[in-house]
């Protein structure tokens, strides 16, 4: 899926989730003509984690793991399980990441000043 399209879809999913419309967000993702990719599903998992929607977060997390998501997305899934005190599933995802040699890239940001 093109990067611009992915970002646009992820923004719509995030807007639905911020409004508390999780059912609509999931329907939007699942009814798309293209198959949702990891960033889109990761946005939904992240929103579920923030707002405590454990049932949907679990369902979408399982879909992400089946798709073979990136290290960062799998770390999000692991953290989502951990925040729900589902330690066995969290460790299972971390073990998969370890076996596949996947790691979450360390984030960074910077600001440039004209001084």
C-alpha atoms as a PDB file:
ATOM      1  CA  UNK A   1       0.000   0.000   0.000  1.00  0.00           C
ATOM      2  CA  UNK A   2       1.383   3.407  -0.876  1.00  0.00           C
ATOM      3  CA  UNK A   3       2.811   5.374   2.028  1.00  0.00           C
ATOM      4  CA  UNK A   4       0.448   8.327   1.560  1.00  0.00           C
ATOM      5  CA  UNK A   5      -2.585   6.045   1.476  1.00  0.00           C
ATOM      6  CA  UNK A   6      -1.390   4.185   4.573  1.00  0.00           C
ATOM      7  CA  UNK A   7      -0.918   7.426   6.494  1.00  0.00           C
ATOM      8  CA  UNK A   8      -4.331   8.709   5.421  1.00  0.00           C
ATOM      9  CA  UNK A   9      -6.063   5.514   6.502  1.00  0.00           C
ATOM     10  CA  UNK A  10      -4.158   5.479   9.804  1.00  0.00           C
ATOM     11  CA  UNK A  11      -5.284   9.087  10.434  1.00  0.00           C
ATOM     12  CA  UNK A  12      -8.940   8.164   9.885  1.00  0.00           C
ATOM     13  CA  UNK A  13      -8.584   5.177  12.226  1.00  0.00           C
ATOM     14  CA  UNK A  14      -6.936   7.401  14.839  1.00  0.00           C
ATOM     15  CA  UNK A  15      -9.740   9.981  14.558  1.00  0.00           C
ATOM     16  CA  UNK A  16     -12.414   7.319  15.035  1.00  0.00           C
ATOM     17  CA  UNK A  17     -10.563   5.917  18.039  1.00  0.00           C
ATOM     18  CA  UNK A  18     -10.003   9.312  19.669  1.00  0.00           C
ATOM     19  CA  UNK A  19     -13.750   9.888  19.391  1.00  0.00           C
ATOM     20  CA  UNK A  20     -14.348   6.555  21.139  1.00  0.00           C
ATOM     21  CA  UNK A  21     -15.832   5.020  17.975  1.00  0.00           C
ATOM     22  CA  UNK A  22     -13.880   1.763  18.065  1.00  0.00           C
ATOM     23  CA  UNK A  23     -16.516  -0.292  16.302  1.00  0.00           C
ATOM     24  CA  UNK A  24     -16.558   2.199  13.424  1.00  0.00           C
ATOM     25  CA  UNK A  25     -12.753   2.259  13.308  1.00  0.00           C
ATOM     26  CA  UNK A  26     -12.560  -1.529  13.076  1.00  0.00           C
ATOM     27  CA  UNK A  27     -15.304  -1.651  10.436  1.00  0.00           C
ATOM     28  CA  UNK A  28     -13.494   1.019   8.416  1.00  0.00           C
ATOM     29  CA  UNK A  29     -10.277  -1.025   8.466  1.00  0.00           C
ATOM     30  CA  UNK A  30     -11.885  -4.385   7.755  1.00  0.00           C
ATOM     31  CA  UNK A  31     -14.167  -3.086   4.976  1.00  0.00           C
ATOM     32  CA  UNK A  32     -11.383  -1.442   2.958  1.00  0.00           C
ATOM     33  CA  UNK A  33     -10.866  -2.622  -0.610  1.00  0.00           C
ATOM     34  CA  UNK A  34      -7.168  -3.148   0.121  1.00  0.00           C
ATOM     35  CA  UNK A  35      -5.878  -5.380   2.875  1.00  0.00           C
ATOM     36  CA  UNK A  36      -4.856  -3.345   5.934  1.00  0.00           C
ATOM     37  CA  UNK A  37      -1.120  -3.271   6.569  1.00  0.00           C
ATOM     38  CA  UNK A  38       0.844  -3.187   9.825  1.00  0.00           C
ATOM     39  CA  UNK A  39       0.885   0.600  10.358  1.00  0.00           C
ATOM     40  CA  UNK A  40      -2.909   0.815  10.007  1.00  0.00           C
ATOM     41  CA  UNK A  41      -3.532  -2.128  12.328  1.00  0.00           C
ATOM     42  CA  UNK A  42      -0.866  -0.819  14.710  1.00  0.00           C
ATOM     43  CA  UNK A  43      -2.732   2.482  14.959  1.00  0.00           C
ATOM     44  CA  UNK A  44      -5.853   0.597  16.000  1.00  0.00           C
ATOM     45  CA  UNK A  45      -3.948  -1.514  18.560  1.00  0.00           C
ATOM     46  CA  UNK A  46      -2.348   1.612  20.004  1.00  0.00           C
ATOM     47  CA  UNK A  47      -5.709   3.341  20.340  1.00  0.00           C
ATOM     48  CA  UNK A  48      -7.199   0.270  22.013  1.00  0.00           C
ATOM     49  CA  UNK A  49      -4.325   0.216  24.481  1.00  0.00           C
ATOM     50  CA  UNK A  50      -4.666   3.913  25.328  1.00  0.00           C
ATOM     51  CA  UNK A  51      -8.440   3.703  25.790  1.00  0.00           C
ATOM     52  CA  UNK A  52      -8.535   0.293  27.478  1.00  0.00           C
ATOM     53  CA  UNK A  53     -10.449  -1.587  24.775  1.00  0.00           C
ATOM     54  CA  UNK A  54      -8.783  -4.918  25.546  1.00  0.00           C
ATOM     55  CA  UNK A  55     -11.083  -7.179  23.534  1.00  0.00           C
ATOM     56  CA  UNK A  56     -10.596  -5.358  20.239  1.00  0.00           C
ATOM     57  CA  UNK A  57      -6.919  -4.798  20.983  1.00  0.00           C
ATOM     58  CA  UNK A  58      -6.451  -8.558  21.404  1.00  0.00           C
ATOM     59  CA  UNK A  59      -8.266  -9.349  18.154  1.00  0.00           C
ATOM     60  CA  UNK A  60      -6.309  -6.812  16.117  1.00  0.00           C
ATOM     61  CA  UNK A  61      -3.031  -7.816  17.819  1.00  0.00           C
ATOM     62  CA  UNK A  62      -3.546 -11.420  16.766  1.00  0.00           C
ATOM     63  CA  UNK A  63      -4.101 -10.256  13.184  1.00  0.00           C
ATOM     64  CA  UNK A  64      -0.884  -8.226  13.344  1.00  0.00           C
ATOM     65  CA  UNK A  65       1.145 -11.160  14.632  1.00  0.00           C
ATOM     66  CA  UNK A  66      -0.262 -13.418  11.887  1.00  0.00           C
ATOM     67  CA  UNK A  67       0.753 -10.861   9.241  1.00  0.00           C
ATOM     68  CA  UNK A  68       4.364 -10.895  10.426  1.00  0.00           C
ATOM     69  CA  UNK A  69       4.559  -7.286  11.572  1.00  0.00           C
ATOM     70  CA  UNK A  70       7.721  -5.222  12.063  1.00  0.00           C
ATOM     71  CA  UNK A  71       9.703  -5.121  15.286  1.00  0.00           C
ATOM     72  CA  UNK A  72       8.147  -1.831  16.369  1.00  0.00           C
ATOM     73  CA  UNK A  73       4.627  -3.042  15.754  1.00  0.00           C
ATOM     74  CA  UNK A  74       5.263  -6.322  17.563  1.00  0.00           C
ATOM     75  CA  UNK A  75       6.717  -4.379  20.498  1.00  0.00           C
ATOM     76  CA  UNK A  76       3.457  -2.408  20.579  1.00  0.00           C
ATOM     77  CA  UNK A  77       1.506  -5.677  20.648  1.00  0.00           C
ATOM     78  CA  UNK A  78       3.710  -7.011  23.446  1.00  0.00           C
ATOM     79  CA  UNK A  79       3.264  -3.811  25.453  1.00  0.00           C
ATOM     80  CA  UNK A  80      -0.480  -3.951  24.870  1.00  0.00           C
ATOM     81  CA  UNK A  81      -0.603  -7.475  26.294  1.00  0.00           C
ATOM     82  CA  UNK A  82       1.582  -6.429  29.234  1.00  0.00           C
ATOM     83  CA  UNK A  83      -0.632  -3.461  30.094  1.00  0.00           C
ATOM     84  CA  UNK A  84      -3.540  -5.923  30.309  1.00  0.00           C
ATOM     85  CA  UNK A  85      -1.503  -8.166  32.665  1.00  0.00           C
ATOM     86  CA  UNK A  86      -1.384 -10.859  29.986  1.00  0.00           C
ATOM     87  CA  UNK A  87       2.254 -11.656  30.695  1.00  0.00           C
ATOM     88  CA  UNK A  88       2.401 -15.013  28.909  1.00  0.00           C
ATOM     89  CA  UNK A  89       1.221 -13.526  25.608  1.00  0.00           C
ATOM     90  CA  UNK A  90       3.553 -10.550  26.030  1.00  0.00           C
ATOM     91  CA  UNK A  91       6.557 -12.838  26.528  1.00  0.00           C
ATOM     92  CA  UNK A  92       5.463 -15.026  23.612  1.00  0.00           C
ATOM     93  CA  UNK A  93       5.513 -12.021  21.259  1.00  0.00           C
ATOM     94  CA  UNK A  94       8.913 -10.945  22.623  1.00  0.00           C
ATOM     95  CA  UNK A  95      10.236 -14.480  22.069  1.00  0.00           C
ATOM     96  CA  UNK A  96       8.994 -14.420  18.465  1.00  0.00           C
ATOM     97  CA  UNK A  97      10.748 -11.081  17.997  1.00  0.00           C
ATOM     98  CA  UNK A  98      13.943 -12.508  19.449  1.00  0.00           C
ATOM     99  CA  UNK A  99      13.819 -15.640  17.277  1.00  0.00           C
ATOM    100  CA  UNK A 100      13.283 -13.525  14.154  1.00  0.00           C
ATOM    101  CA  UNK A 101      15.986 -11.056  15.154  1.00  0.00           C
ATOM    102  CA  UNK A 102      13.497  -8.174  15.241  1.00  0.00           C
ATOM    103  CA  UNK A 103      14.017  -5.139  17.438  1.00  0.00           C
ATOM    104  CA  UNK A 104      12.107  -1.928  17.886  1.00  0.00           C
ATOM    105  CA  UNK A 105      14.029   0.957  16.418  1.00  0.00           C
ATOM    106  CA  UNK A 106      14.869   3.577  19.011  1.00  0.00           C
ATOM    107  CA  UNK A 107      12.922   6.757  18.366  1.00  0.00           C
ATOM    108  CA  UNK A 108      14.506  10.154  18.297  1.00  0.00           C
ATOM    109  CA  UNK A 109      13.562  13.693  17.432  1.00  0.00           C
ATOM    110  CA  UNK A 110      15.365  16.968  17.024  1.00  0.00           C
ATOM    111  CA  UNK A 111      14.761  20.686  16.676  1.00  0.00           C
ATOM    112  CA  UNK A 112      16.792  23.036  14.504  1.00  0.00           C
ATOM    113  CA  UNK A 113      17.244  26.620  15.631  1.00  0.00           C
ATOM    114  CA  UNK A 114      18.536  29.531  13.601  1.00  0.00           C
ATOM    115  CA  UNK A 115      20.859  30.970  16.213  1.00  0.00           C
END
